[in-house]
Amino acid sequence: MHRVLWYLVCAVVAFGMAGRAAMAAPVDPPSDATTRVEVWQAPQGLKQVPIWSKAAPDPGETTRKPESVLTRVSPEALAGDTSQGVYDVSVPTMTVYPPKGRNTGAAVVVFPGGGFVMLAITLEGTEICDWFASRGMTCILSKYRVPGGNHHWDKACKCHLTPKVPFALQDAQRTIRLVRAHAAEWHVDPKKVGVIGFSAGGFLVAQTSNIFQSTYAPTDAADTLSSRPDFAIAAYPGHLCRDGKFAPGFKVTARTTPTFLVQDWDDPVDPICNSITYARALNAAGVPAEVHLFAKGGHAFGLRPSGHPVVAMWPVLVEHWLREIGILPAERE
């Protein structure tokens, strides 16, 4: 039976977390931020395309507000000096980053976080795709529908809500299928299509890794293809641990996607319980997984340099794991 590989890069006395999932909405915009009512634009040279040939499913459940983009000064950004967040997405899209240099044939769909209220499109989207493309992988940035497309904290009622229609999951499944539909055109191996998600996006990673039945009626030939990812990476995931128990709505089985988990023990937004609870479920089902828990680093660390080792280490660990499971080729001697 497969066993979960634990790398506890921290001093652990006991698992004494309260076990409550912290799924708070993003904090209010900082004073140096500006918000404009406009559709987010992909980086220069890349094309952003709608994922639905017609209107997205269940339009009555989707926001009717126009899309807006919050931009703030970010000297720590990896490209440029600003970061952006996207709000009120009603037309979901994907932006394809072709591999740089040697094409490995592998592809990864990126789900940014944002509490299912907004999308941290720079920190957990464009910067992530730049890194994967530099590793010879095709990267697909998902701009899925928000707000309210999945389990989330609602400021109005000050409570957690689960929508009747999980339209963020609909968009996630559709995007994975579209990657396989375009596999020949994009020179992608349809058996090497995976996902990575951050915070709330990590919950989408878990859902797509376990929910294989379509959450929407077929719209074209692409919807006959599988939405199961071949590998899954969840960074500081949320929404998985609720009152110390595994989230309802799906069950981990032997068919669940092999998974890589990374989180910080001092995460103040999504407690470590989220990764540990999921890791235990993966282990119980015999699903191969690799888990890295770091002592410090907080939440939403992405790829930006910090004073903690997690940022320097997790990309290297992911790359080694992808080689070990056969998604990336073995390193040349």
C-alpha atoms as a PDB file:
ATOM      1  CA  MET A   1       0.000   0.000   0.000  1.00  0.00           C
ATOM      2  CA  HIS A   2       1.194   3.459  -0.810  1.00  0.00           C
ATOM      3  CA  ARG A   3       2.199   5.541   2.150  1.00  0.00           C
ATOM      4  CA  VAL A   4       2.177   9.273   2.568  1.00  0.00           C
ATOM      5  CA  LEU A   5       5.699  10.695   2.693  1.00  0.00           C
ATOM      6  CA  TRP A   6       5.860  13.179   5.534  1.00  0.00           C
ATOM      7  CA  TYR A   7       8.492  15.883   5.653  1.00  0.00           C
ATOM      8  CA  LEU A   8       7.758  17.765   8.834  1.00  0.00           C
ATOM      9  CA  VAL A   9      10.146  20.684   8.626  1.00  0.00           C
ATOM     10  CA  CYS A  10       9.165  21.875  12.048  1.00  0.00           C
ATOM     11  CA  ALA A  11       9.260  20.867  15.693  1.00  0.00           C
ATOM     12  CA  VAL A  12       5.999  19.090  16.418  1.00  0.00           C
ATOM     13  CA  VAL A  13       4.956  18.361  19.952  1.00  0.00           C
ATOM     14  CA  ALA A  14       1.349  17.415  19.287  1.00  0.00           C
ATOM     15  CA  PHE A  15      -1.459  18.195  16.910  1.00  0.00           C
ATOM     16  CA  GLY A  16      -3.191  20.694  19.116  1.00  0.00           C
ATOM     17  CA  MET A  17      -4.889  22.865  16.537  1.00  0.00           C
ATOM     18  CA  ALA A  18      -8.499  23.655  17.198  1.00  0.00           C
ATOM     19  CA  GLY A  19      -9.276  22.134  13.823  1.00  0.00           C
ATOM     20  CA  ARG A  20     -11.561  24.840  12.580  1.00  0.00           C
ATOM     21  CA  ALA A  21     -11.133  25.813   8.971  1.00  0.00           C
ATOM     22  CA  ALA A  22     -10.310  29.479   8.603  1.00  0.00           C
ATOM     23  CA  MET A  23     -12.003  30.489   5.401  1.00  0.00           C
ATOM     24  CA  ALA A  24     -12.290  34.219   5.837  1.00  0.00           C
ATOM     25  CA  ALA A  25     -12.706  36.482   2.868  1.00  0.00           C
ATOM     26  CA  PRO A  26      -9.705  38.573   1.843  1.00  0.00           C
ATOM     27  CA  VAL A  27      -9.060  41.630   3.952  1.00  0.00           C
ATOM     28  CA  ASP A  28     -10.191  45.040   2.804  1.00  0.00           C
ATOM     29  CA  PRO A  29      -8.039  46.587   0.052  1.00  0.00           C
ATOM     30  CA  PRO A  30      -4.950  48.468   1.274  1.00  0.00           C
ATOM     31  CA  SER A  31      -4.862  52.240   1.017  1.00  0.00           C
ATOM     32  CA  ASP A  32      -2.363  52.171  -1.845  1.00  0.00           C
ATOM     33  CA  ALA A  33      -4.681  50.078  -4.027  1.00  0.00           C
ATOM     34  CA  THR A  34      -6.841  51.302  -6.896  1.00  0.00           C
ATOM     35  CA  THR A  35      -9.877  49.511  -8.267  1.00  0.00           C
ATOM     36  CA  ARG A  36     -11.178  49.912 -11.802  1.00  0.00           C
ATOM     37  CA  VAL A  37     -14.243  48.400 -13.429  1.00  0.00           C
ATOM     38  CA  GLU A  38     -12.568  46.541 -16.268  1.00  0.00           C
ATOM     39  CA  VAL A  39     -11.846  43.036 -17.485  1.00  0.00           C
ATOM     40  CA  TRP A  40      -8.490  41.674 -16.340  1.00  0.00           C
ATOM     41  CA  GLN A  41      -5.978  41.574 -19.182  1.00  0.00           C
ATOM     42  CA  ALA A  42      -3.496  38.765 -19.730  1.00  0.00           C
ATOM     43  CA  PRO A  43       0.216  39.635 -19.799  1.00  0.00           C
ATOM     44  CA  GLN A  44       1.550  40.957 -23.091  1.00  0.00           C
ATOM     45  CA  GLY A  45       1.907  38.322 -25.780  1.00  0.00           C
ATOM     46  CA  LEU A  46      -0.578  35.915 -24.197  1.00  0.00           C
ATOM     47  CA  LYS A  47      -4.200  35.366 -25.167  1.00  0.00           C
ATOM     48  CA  GLN A  48      -7.081  35.062 -22.734  1.00  0.00           C
ATOM     49  CA  VAL A  49     -10.033  33.057 -24.077  1.00  0.00           C
ATOM     50  CA  PRO A  50     -13.469  32.202 -22.626  1.00  0.00           C
ATOM     51  CA  ILE A  51     -13.793  28.571 -21.585  1.00  0.00           C
ATOM     52  CA  TRP A  52     -17.465  28.278 -22.549  1.00  0.00           C
ATOM     53  CA  SER A  53     -18.450  28.436 -26.223  1.00  0.00           C
ATOM     54  CA  LYS A  54     -21.684  30.150 -25.209  1.00  0.00           C
ATOM     55  CA  ALA A  55     -22.815  31.483 -21.845  1.00  0.00           C
ATOM     56  CA  ALA A  56     -21.449  29.763 -18.738  1.00  0.00           C
ATOM     57  CA  PRO A  57     -23.806  27.242 -17.098  1.00  0.00           C
ATOM     58  CA  ASP A  58     -26.314  28.439 -14.502  1.00  0.00           C
ATOM     59  CA  PRO A  59     -25.934  32.165 -15.285  1.00  0.00           C
ATOM     60  CA  GLY A  60     -28.608  32.992 -12.707  1.00  0.00           C
ATOM     61  CA  GLU A  61     -26.200  31.921  -9.981  1.00  0.00           C
ATOM     62  CA  THR A  62     -23.343  34.096 -11.241  1.00  0.00           C
ATOM     63  CA  THR A  63     -22.596  37.674 -10.263  1.00  0.00           C
ATOM     64  CA  ARG A  64     -24.290  40.377 -12.314  1.00  0.00           C
ATOM     65  CA  LYS A  65     -21.757  43.024 -11.361  1.00  0.00           C
ATOM     66  CA  PRO A  66     -19.169  44.039 -13.944  1.00  0.00           C
ATOM     67  CA  GLU A  67     -15.701  42.579 -13.504  1.00  0.00           C
ATOM     68  CA  SER A  68     -13.209  44.802 -11.718  1.00  0.00           C
ATOM     69  CA  VAL A  69      -9.480  44.717 -11.103  1.00  0.00           C
ATOM     70  CA  LEU A  70      -7.735  45.905  -7.953  1.00  0.00           C
ATOM     71  CA  THR A  71      -4.139  47.002  -8.509  1.00  0.00           C
ATOM     72  CA  ARG A  72      -1.696  47.813  -5.738  1.00  0.00           C
ATOM     73  CA  VAL A  73       1.973  48.718  -5.624  1.00  0.00           C
ATOM     74  CA  SER A  74       4.059  45.600  -4.903  1.00  0.00           C
ATOM     75  CA  PRO A  75       7.824  46.079  -5.001  1.00  0.00           C
ATOM     76  CA  GLU A  76       8.101  42.400  -4.073  1.00  0.00           C
ATOM     77  CA  ALA A  77       6.321  41.267  -7.253  1.00  0.00           C
ATOM     78  CA  LEU A  78       8.382  38.953  -9.443  1.00  0.00           C
ATOM     79  CA  ALA A  79       7.584  40.800 -12.677  1.00  0.00           C
ATOM     80  CA  GLY A  80       6.949  44.532 -12.528  1.00  0.00           C
ATOM     81  CA  ASP A  81       6.029  46.366  -9.347  1.00  0.00           C
ATOM     82  CA  THR A  82       2.290  45.800  -9.011  1.00  0.00           C
ATOM     83  CA  SER A  83      -0.073  42.997  -7.989  1.00  0.00           C
ATOM     84  CA  GLN A  84      -3.636  42.533  -9.128  1.00  0.00           C
ATOM     85  CA  GLY A  85      -6.774  40.928  -7.752  1.00  0.00           C
ATOM     86  CA  VAL A  86      -9.867  40.227  -9.827  1.00  0.00           C
ATOM     87  CA  TYR A  87     -13.433  40.612  -8.574  1.00  0.00           C
ATOM     88  CA  ASP A  88     -16.893  39.742  -9.931  1.00  0.00           C
ATOM     89  CA  VAL A  89     -15.920  37.308 -12.672  1.00  0.00           C
ATOM     90  CA  SER A  90     -18.954  36.208 -14.688  1.00  0.00           C
ATOM     91  CA  VAL A  91     -17.135  35.216 -17.890  1.00  0.00           C
ATOM     92  CA  PRO A  92     -14.532  32.592 -16.906  1.00  0.00           C
ATOM     93  CA  THR A  93     -11.425  32.333 -19.043  1.00  0.00           C
ATOM     94  CA  MET A  94      -8.111  30.566 -19.458  1.00  0.00           C
ATOM     95  CA  THR A  95      -4.765  32.031 -20.437  1.00  0.00           C
ATOM     96  CA  VAL A  96      -2.224  29.648 -21.929  1.00  0.00           C
ATOM     97  CA  TYR A  97       1.489  30.025 -21.200  1.00  0.00           C
ATOM     98  CA  PRO A  98       3.538  27.970 -23.670  1.00  0.00           C
ATOM     99  CA  PRO A  99       6.612  26.184 -22.325  1.00  0.00           C
ATOM    100  CA  LYS A 100       9.945  27.950 -22.526  1.00  0.00           C
ATOM    101  CA  GLY A 101      12.803  25.986 -24.011  1.00  0.00           C
ATOM    102  CA  ARG A 102      12.344  22.240 -24.146  1.00  0.00           C
ATOM    103  CA  ASN A 103       8.694  21.146 -24.108  1.00  0.00           C
ATOM    104  CA  THR A 104       8.221  18.318 -21.609  1.00  0.00           C
ATOM    105  CA  GLY A 105       4.678  17.586 -22.809  1.00  0.00           C
ATOM    106  CA  ALA A 106       3.285  18.166 -19.315  1.00  0.00           C
ATOM    107  CA  ALA A 107       0.623  20.770 -18.538  1.00  0.00           C
ATOM    108  CA  VAL A 108      -0.733  22.297 -15.343  1.00  0.00           C
ATOM    109  CA  VAL A 109      -3.897  24.305 -14.654  1.00  0.00           C
ATOM    110  CA  VAL A 110      -3.466  27.021 -12.013  1.00  0.00           C
ATOM    111  CA  PHE A 111      -6.316  27.950  -9.658  1.00  0.00           C
ATOM    112  CA  PRO A 112      -5.529  31.198  -7.784  1.00  0.00           C
ATOM    113  CA  GLY A 113      -6.862  31.669  -4.268  1.00  0.00           C
ATOM    114  CA  GLY A 114      -9.023  34.418  -2.849  1.00  0.00           C
ATOM    115  CA  GLY A 115     -11.586  32.764  -0.612  1.00  0.00           C
ATOM    116  CA  PHE A 116     -13.997  32.285  -3.554  1.00  0.00           C
ATOM    117  CA  VAL A 117     -14.581  36.029  -3.185  1.00  0.00           C
ATOM    118  CA  MET A 118     -11.841  37.260  -5.547  1.00  0.00           C
ATOM    119  CA  LEU A 119      -8.796  35.921  -7.394  1.00  0.00           C
ATOM    120  CA  ALA A 120      -5.197  36.714  -6.410  1.00  0.00           C
ATOM    121  CA  ILE A 121      -4.328  36.661 -10.089  1.00  0.00           C
ATOM    122  CA  THR A 122      -0.719  37.904  -9.857  1.00  0.00           C
ATOM    123  CA  LEU A 123       0.686  36.291  -6.711  1.00  0.00           C
ATOM    124  CA  GLU A 124      -1.048  32.940  -7.265  1.00  0.00           C
ATOM    125  CA  GLY A 125      -1.567  33.054 -11.016  1.00  0.00           C
ATOM    126  CA  THR A 126       0.733  34.799 -13.458  1.00  0.00           C
ATOM    127  CA  GLU A 127       3.837  34.393 -11.301  1.00  0.00           C
ATOM    128  CA  ILE A 128       3.112  30.687 -10.889  1.00  0.00           C
ATOM    129  CA  CYS A 129       2.606  30.146 -14.624  1.00  0.00           C
ATOM    130  CA  ASP A 130       5.865  31.932 -15.405  1.00  0.00           C
ATOM    131  CA  TRP A 131       7.681  29.444 -13.161  1.00  0.00           C
ATOM    132  CA  PHE A 132       6.045  26.326 -14.621  1.00  0.00           C
ATOM    133  CA  ALA A 133       6.609  27.542 -18.191  1.00  0.00           C
ATOM    134  CA  SER A 134      10.302  28.000 -17.345  1.00  0.00           C
ATOM    135  CA  ARG A 135      10.335  24.294 -16.457  1.00  0.00           C
ATOM    136  CA  GLY A 136       9.157  23.295 -19.920  1.00  0.00           C
ATOM    137  CA  MET A 137       5.509  22.866 -18.978  1.00  0.00           C
ATOM    138  CA  THR A 138       2.434  24.368 -20.600  1.00  0.00           C
ATOM    139  CA  CYS A 139       0.645  26.410 -17.936  1.00  0.00           C
ATOM    140  CA  ILE A 140      -3.029  27.337 -18.068  1.00  0.00           C
ATOM    141  CA  LEU A 141      -4.171  30.151 -15.788  1.00  0.00           C
ATOM    142  CA  SER A 142      -7.798  29.720 -14.756  1.00  0.00           C
ATOM    143  CA  LYS A 143      -9.896  32.824 -14.139  1.00  0.00           C
ATOM    144  CA  TYR A 144     -12.894  31.065 -12.649  1.00  0.00           C
ATOM    145  CA  ARG A 145     -16.148  32.647 -11.535  1.00  0.00           C
ATOM    146  CA  VAL A 146     -16.305  34.569  -8.265  1.00  0.00           C
ATOM    147  CA  PRO A 147     -17.761  35.432  -5.841  1.00  0.00           C
ATOM    148  CA  GLY A 148     -19.703  32.606  -4.275  1.00  0.00           C
ATOM    149  CA  GLY A 149     -18.762  29.813  -6.628  1.00  0.00           C
ATOM    150  CA  ASN A 150     -17.916  27.427  -3.817  1.00  0.00           C
ATOM    151  CA  HIS A 151     -17.944  27.151  -0.030  1.00  0.00           C
ATOM    152  CA  HIS A 152     -17.048  30.604   1.322  1.00  0.00           C
ATOM    153  CA  TRP A 153     -17.379  33.160   4.098  1.00  0.00           C
ATOM    154  CA  ASP A 154     -20.216  35.616   3.517  1.00  0.00           C
ATOM    155  CA  LYS A 155     -19.725  39.033   5.110  1.00  0.00           C
ATOM    156  CA  ALA A 156     -23.438  39.855   4.988  1.00  0.00           C
ATOM    157  CA  CYS A 157     -24.588  36.959   7.162  1.00  0.00           C
ATOM    158  CA  LYS A 158     -21.201  36.510   8.860  1.00  0.00           C
ATOM    159  CA  CYS A 159     -21.429  32.806   8.138  1.00  0.00           C
ATOM    160  CA  HIS A 160     -20.105  30.157   5.788  1.00  0.00           C
ATOM    161  CA  LEU A 161     -22.236  29.415   2.746  1.00  0.00           C
ATOM    162  CA  THR A 162     -22.192  26.556   0.250  1.00  0.00           C
ATOM    163  CA  PRO A 163     -23.900  27.441  -3.053  1.00  0.00           C
ATOM    164  CA  LYS A 164     -26.434  25.140  -4.681  1.00  0.00           C
ATOM    165  CA  VAL A 165     -24.430  25.303  -7.897  1.00  0.00           C
ATOM    166  CA  PRO A 166     -20.634  24.954  -7.538  1.00  0.00           C
ATOM    167  CA  PHE A 167     -19.833  27.086 -10.573  1.00  0.00           C
ATOM    168  CA  ALA A 168     -16.155  27.470  -9.640  1.00  0.00           C
ATOM    169  CA  LEU A 169     -15.895  23.674  -9.846  1.00  0.00           C
ATOM    170  CA  GLN A 170     -17.774  23.722 -13.158  1.00  0.00           C
ATOM    171  CA  ASP A 171     -15.150  26.092 -14.539  1.00  0.00           C
ATOM    172  CA  ALA A 172     -12.317  23.976 -13.137  1.00  0.00           C
ATOM    173  CA  GLN A 173     -13.620  20.752 -14.698  1.00  0.00           C
ATOM    174  CA  ARG A 174     -14.231  22.479 -18.008  1.00  0.00           C
ATOM    175  CA  THR A 175     -10.718  23.941 -18.132  1.00  0.00           C
ATOM    176  CA  ILE A 176      -9.071  20.568 -17.517  1.00  0.00           C
ATOM    177  CA  ARG A 177     -11.160  19.042 -20.296  1.00  0.00           C
ATOM    178  CA  LEU A 178     -10.232  21.865 -22.677  1.00  0.00           C
ATOM    179  CA  VAL A 179      -6.533  21.236 -22.079  1.00  0.00           C
ATOM    180  CA  ARG A 180      -7.007  17.636 -23.180  1.00  0.00           C
ATOM    181  CA  ALA A 181      -9.144  18.753 -26.129  1.00  0.00           C
ATOM    182  CA  HIS A 182      -6.278  21.004 -27.307  1.00  0.00           C
ATOM    183  CA  ALA A 183      -3.535  18.509 -26.456  1.00  0.00           C
ATOM    184  CA  ALA A 184      -2.404  17.947 -30.046  1.00  0.00           C
ATOM    185  CA  GLU A 185      -2.481  21.662 -30.877  1.00  0.00           C
ATOM    186  CA  TRP A 186      -0.541  22.627 -27.745  1.00  0.00           C
ATOM    187  CA  HIS A 187       1.816  19.623 -27.903  1.00  0.00           C
ATOM    188  CA  VAL A 188       0.616  18.359 -24.532  1.00  0.00           C
ATOM    189  CA  ASP A 189       0.474  14.735 -23.397  1.00  0.00           C
ATOM    190  CA  PRO A 190      -3.198  14.253 -22.358  1.00  0.00           C
ATOM    191  CA  LYS A 191      -1.996  11.814 -19.690  1.00  0.00           C
ATOM    192  CA  LYS A 192       0.205  14.462 -18.066  1.00  0.00           C
ATOM    193  CA  VAL A 193      -2.357  17.163 -17.268  1.00  0.00           C
ATOM    194  CA  GLY A 194      -2.391  18.301 -13.653  1.00  0.00           C
ATOM    195  CA  VAL A 195      -3.590  21.068 -11.360  1.00  0.00           C
ATOM    196  CA  ILE A 196      -2.153  23.402  -8.745  1.00  0.00           C
ATOM    197  CA  GLY A 197      -4.165  25.629  -6.440  1.00  0.00           C
ATOM    198  CA  PHE A 198      -3.496  28.059  -3.623  1.00  0.00           C
ATOM    199  CA  SER A 199      -5.682  28.564  -0.546  1.00  0.00           C
ATOM    200  CA  ALA A 200      -9.257  28.380  -1.909  1.00  0.00           C
ATOM    201  CA  GLY A 201      -7.729  27.185  -5.171  1.00  0.00           C
ATOM    202  CA  GLY A 202      -6.323  24.270  -3.184  1.00  0.00           C
ATOM    203  CA  PHE A 203      -9.886  23.237  -2.414  1.00  0.00           C
ATOM    204  CA  LEU A 204     -10.604  23.174  -6.161  1.00  0.00           C
ATOM    205  CA  VAL A 205      -7.550  20.940  -6.506  1.00  0.00           C
ATOM    206  CA  ALA A 206      -9.040  18.489  -4.001  1.00  0.00           C
ATOM    207  CA  GLN A 207     -12.478  18.632  -5.633  1.00  0.00           C
ATOM    208  CA  THR A 208     -11.208  17.978  -9.150  1.00  0.00           C
ATOM    209  CA  SER A 209      -9.018  15.178  -7.759  1.00  0.00           C
ATOM    210  CA  ASN A 210     -12.059  13.404  -6.323  1.00  0.00           C
ATOM    211  CA  ILE A 211     -15.208  14.518  -8.174  1.00  0.00           C
ATOM    212  CA  PHE A 212     -15.118  12.959 -11.624  1.00  0.00           C
ATOM    213  CA  GLN A 213     -18.794  13.173 -12.480  1.00  0.00           C
ATOM    214  CA  SER A 214     -19.517  16.313 -14.454  1.00  0.00           C
ATOM    215  CA  THR A 215     -21.145  19.138 -12.524  1.00  0.00           C
ATOM    216  CA  TYR A 216     -22.766  20.562 -15.675  1.00  0.00           C
ATOM    217  CA  ALA A 217     -24.550  19.348 -18.800  1.00  0.00           C
ATOM    218  CA  PRO A 218     -22.232  18.667 -21.781  1.00  0.00           C
ATOM    219  CA  THR A 219     -21.840  21.593 -24.170  1.00  0.00           C
ATOM    220  CA  ASP A 220     -19.516  20.183 -26.864  1.00  0.00           C
ATOM    221  CA  ALA A 221     -17.117  17.350 -27.660  1.00  0.00           C
ATOM    222  CA  ALA A 222     -14.581  18.532 -25.066  1.00  0.00           C
ATOM    223  CA  ASP A 223     -17.009  17.590 -22.318  1.00  0.00           C
ATOM    224  CA  THR A 224     -16.717  13.918 -23.249  1.00  0.00           C
ATOM    225  CA  LEU A 225     -13.117  13.973 -22.012  1.00  0.00           C
ATOM    226  CA  SER A 226     -11.969  13.263 -18.468  1.00  0.00           C
ATOM    227  CA  SER A 227     -11.670  16.095 -15.950  1.00  0.00           C
ATOM    228  CA  ARG A 228      -9.544  14.004 -13.566  1.00  0.00           C
ATOM    229  CA  PRO A 229      -6.076  15.555 -13.185  1.00  0.00           C
ATOM    230  CA  ASP A 230      -3.051  13.269 -13.484  1.00  0.00           C
ATOM    231  CA  PHE A 231      -1.251  15.056 -10.646  1.00  0.00           C
ATOM    232  CA  ALA A 232      -2.354  17.570  -8.042  1.00  0.00           C
ATOM    233  CA  ILE A 233      -0.556  20.227  -6.000  1.00  0.00           C
ATOM    234  CA  ALA A 234      -2.302  22.045  -3.150  1.00  0.00           C
ATOM    235  CA  ALA A 235      -0.480  24.944  -1.489  1.00  0.00           C
ATOM    236  CA  TYR A 236      -1.841  26.145   1.868  1.00  0.00           C
ATOM    237  CA  PRO A 237      -5.299  24.752   1.013  1.00  0.00           C
ATOM    238  CA  GLY A 238      -8.460  25.885   2.766  1.00  0.00           C
ATOM    239  CA  HIS A 239     -12.060  24.667   3.156  1.00  0.00           C
ATOM    240  CA  LEU A 240     -10.974  21.031   3.664  1.00  0.00           C
ATOM    241  CA  CYS A 241     -11.052  20.949   7.461  1.00  0.00           C
ATOM    242  CA  ARG A 242     -14.314  22.004   9.072  1.00  0.00           C
ATOM    243  CA  ASP A 243     -14.641  21.770  12.834  1.00  0.00           C
ATOM    244  CA  GLY A 244     -11.826  19.231  12.834  1.00  0.00           C
ATOM    245  CA  LYS A 245     -13.485  16.964  10.273  1.00  0.00           C
ATOM    246  CA  PHE A 246     -12.943  16.374   6.576  1.00  0.00           C
ATOM    247  CA  ALA A 247     -15.125  18.555   4.358  1.00  0.00           C
ATOM    248  CA  PRO A 248     -18.394  17.007   3.134  1.00  0.00           C
ATOM    249  CA  GLY A 249     -19.217  16.736  -0.555  1.00  0.00           C
ATOM    250  CA  PHE A 250     -16.696  14.166  -1.737  1.00  0.00           C
ATOM    251  CA  LYS A 251     -14.800  11.122  -0.523  1.00  0.00           C
ATOM    252  CA  VAL A 252     -11.163  10.225  -1.079  1.00  0.00           C
ATOM    253  CA  THR A 253     -10.830   6.862  -2.833  1.00  0.00           C
ATOM    254  CA  ALA A 254      -8.161   4.802  -4.563  1.00  0.00           C
ATOM    255  CA  ARG A 255      -8.953   6.773  -7.751  1.00  0.00           C
ATOM    256  CA  THR A 256      -8.003  10.084  -6.166  1.00  0.00           C
ATOM    257  CA  THR A 257      -5.165  11.894  -7.927  1.00  0.00           C
ATOM    258  CA  PRO A 258      -1.605  11.593  -6.531  1.00  0.00           C
ATOM    259  CA  THR A 259      -1.107  14.754  -4.495  1.00  0.00           C
ATOM    260  CA  PHE A 260       1.598  17.117  -3.252  1.00  0.00           C
ATOM    261  CA  LEU A 261       0.726  19.240  -0.203  1.00  0.00           C
ATOM    262  CA  VAL A 262       2.660  22.195   1.224  1.00  0.00           C
ATOM    263  CA  GLN A 263       1.692  24.493   4.083  1.00  0.00           C
ATOM    264  CA  ASP A 264       3.147  26.459   6.992  1.00  0.00           C
ATOM    265  CA  TRP A 265       2.457  25.534  10.577  1.00  0.00           C
ATOM    266  CA  ASP A 266       1.927  29.190  11.468  1.00  0.00           C
ATOM    267  CA  ASP A 267      -0.624  29.849   8.687  1.00  0.00           C
ATOM    268  CA  PRO A 268      -3.060  32.356  10.267  1.00  0.00           C
ATOM    269  CA  VAL A 269      -5.724  32.044   7.546  1.00  0.00           C
ATOM    270  CA  ASP A 270      -6.054  28.341   6.703  1.00  0.00           C
ATOM    271  CA  PRO A 271      -4.936  26.185   9.648  1.00  0.00           C
ATOM    272  CA  ILE A 272      -2.539  23.297   9.130  1.00  0.00           C
ATOM    273  CA  CYS A 273      -5.539  21.055   9.840  1.00  0.00           C
ATOM    274  CA  ASN A 274      -6.495  21.418   6.164  1.00  0.00           C
ATOM    275  CA  SER A 275      -3.358  19.693   4.886  1.00  0.00           C
ATOM    276  CA  ILE A 276      -3.210  17.147   7.698  1.00  0.00           C
ATOM    277  CA  THR A 277      -6.852  16.100   7.357  1.00  0.00           C
ATOM    278  CA  TYR A 278      -6.487  15.651   3.610  1.00  0.00           C
ATOM    279  CA  ALA A 279      -3.176  13.802   3.989  1.00  0.00           C
ATOM    280  CA  ARG A 280      -4.779  11.356   6.415  1.00  0.00           C
ATOM    281  CA  ALA A 281      -7.628  10.715   3.975  1.00  0.00           C
ATOM    282  CA  LEU A 282      -5.166  10.146   1.135  1.00  0.00           C
ATOM    283  CA  ASN A 283      -3.156   7.741   3.253  1.00  0.00           C
ATOM    284  CA  ALA A 284      -6.247   5.806   4.334  1.00  0.00           C
ATOM    285  CA  ALA A 285      -7.279   5.366   0.685  1.00  0.00           C
ATOM    286  CA  GLY A 286      -3.793   4.269  -0.397  1.00  0.00           C
ATOM    287  CA  VAL A 287      -3.249   7.319  -2.596  1.00  0.00           C
ATOM    288  CA  PRO A 288       0.422   8.252  -3.102  1.00  0.00           C
ATOM    289  CA  ALA A 289       1.147  11.689  -1.683  1.00  0.00           C
ATOM    290  CA  GLU A 290       3.975  13.889  -0.527  1.00  0.00           C
ATOM    291  CA  VAL A 291       3.441  16.333   2.341  1.00  0.00           C
ATOM    292  CA  HIS A 292       5.687  19.206   3.410  1.00  0.00           C
ATOM    293  CA  LEU A 293       4.847  21.177   6.528  1.00  0.00           C
ATOM    294  CA  PHE A 294       7.134  24.094   7.358  1.00  0.00           C
ATOM    295  CA  ALA A 295       7.398  25.778  10.727  1.00  0.00           C
ATOM    296  CA  LYS A 296       7.059  29.375   9.523  1.00  0.00           C
ATOM    297  CA  GLY A 297       6.070  31.339   6.462  1.00  0.00           C
ATOM    298  CA  GLY A 298       2.444  32.251   7.057  1.00  0.00           C
ATOM    299  CA  HIS A 299      -0.173  32.276   4.334  1.00  0.00           C
ATOM    300  CA  ALA A 300      -0.099  33.249   0.659  1.00  0.00           C
ATOM    301  CA  PHE A 301       3.666  32.975   0.265  1.00  0.00           C
ATOM    302  CA  GLY A 302       3.567  32.029  -3.408  1.00  0.00           C
ATOM    303  CA  LEU A 303       6.993  32.273  -5.008  1.00  0.00           C
ATOM    304  CA  ARG A 304       8.047  35.639  -3.619  1.00  0.00           C
ATOM    305  CA  PRO A 305      11.281  35.756  -1.594  1.00  0.00           C
ATOM    306  CA  SER A 306      10.876  35.802   2.158  1.00  0.00           C
ATOM    307  CA  GLY A 307      12.938  35.253   5.267  1.00  0.00           C
ATOM    308  CA  HIS A 308      11.605  31.711   5.607  1.00  0.00           C
ATOM    309  CA  PRO A 309      12.833  28.573   3.823  1.00  0.00           C
ATOM    310  CA  VAL A 310       9.436  27.515   2.470  1.00  0.00           C
ATOM    311  CA  VAL A 311       9.594  29.768  -0.606  1.00  0.00           C
ATOM    312  CA  ALA A 312      13.065  28.634  -1.609  1.00  0.00           C
ATOM    313  CA  MET A 313      12.292  24.973  -0.997  1.00  0.00           C
ATOM    314  CA  TRP A 314       8.771  24.159  -2.144  1.00  0.00           C
ATOM    315  CA  PRO A 315       9.333  24.788  -5.898  1.00  0.00           C
ATOM    316  CA  VAL A 316      12.409  22.554  -5.826  1.00  0.00           C
ATOM    317  CA  LEU A 317      10.492  19.864  -3.962  1.00  0.00           C
ATOM    318  CA  VAL A 318       7.599  20.062  -6.453  1.00  0.00           C
ATOM    319  CA  GLU A 319       9.964  19.706  -9.395  1.00  0.00           C
ATOM    320  CA  HIS A 320      11.657  16.664  -7.851  1.00  0.00           C
ATOM    321  CA  TRP A 321       8.258  15.121  -7.092  1.00  0.00           C
ATOM    322  CA  LEU A 322       7.063  15.647 -10.676  1.00  0.00           C
ATOM    323  CA  ARG A 323      10.187  13.868 -11.911  1.00  0.00           C
ATOM    324  CA  GLU A 324       9.756  11.073  -9.408  1.00  0.00           C
ATOM    325  CA  ILE A 325       6.183  10.327 -10.485  1.00  0.00           C
ATOM    326  CA  GLY A 326       7.076  10.477 -14.180  1.00  0.00           C
ATOM    327  CA  ILE A 327       5.390  13.743 -15.165  1.00  0.00           C
ATOM    328  CA  LEU A 328       8.708  15.455 -15.899  1.00  0.00           C
ATOM    329  CA  PRO A 329      11.652  13.618 -17.445  1.00  0.00           C
ATOM    330  CA  ALA A 330      14.481  12.505 -15.223  1.00  0.00           C
ATOM    331  CA  GLU A 331      17.287  15.001 -14.787  1.00  0.00           C
ATOM    332  CA  ARG A 332      20.075  14.626 -17.299  1.00  0.00           C
ATOM    333  CA  GLU A 333      23.395  13.434 -15.971  1.00  0.00           C
END
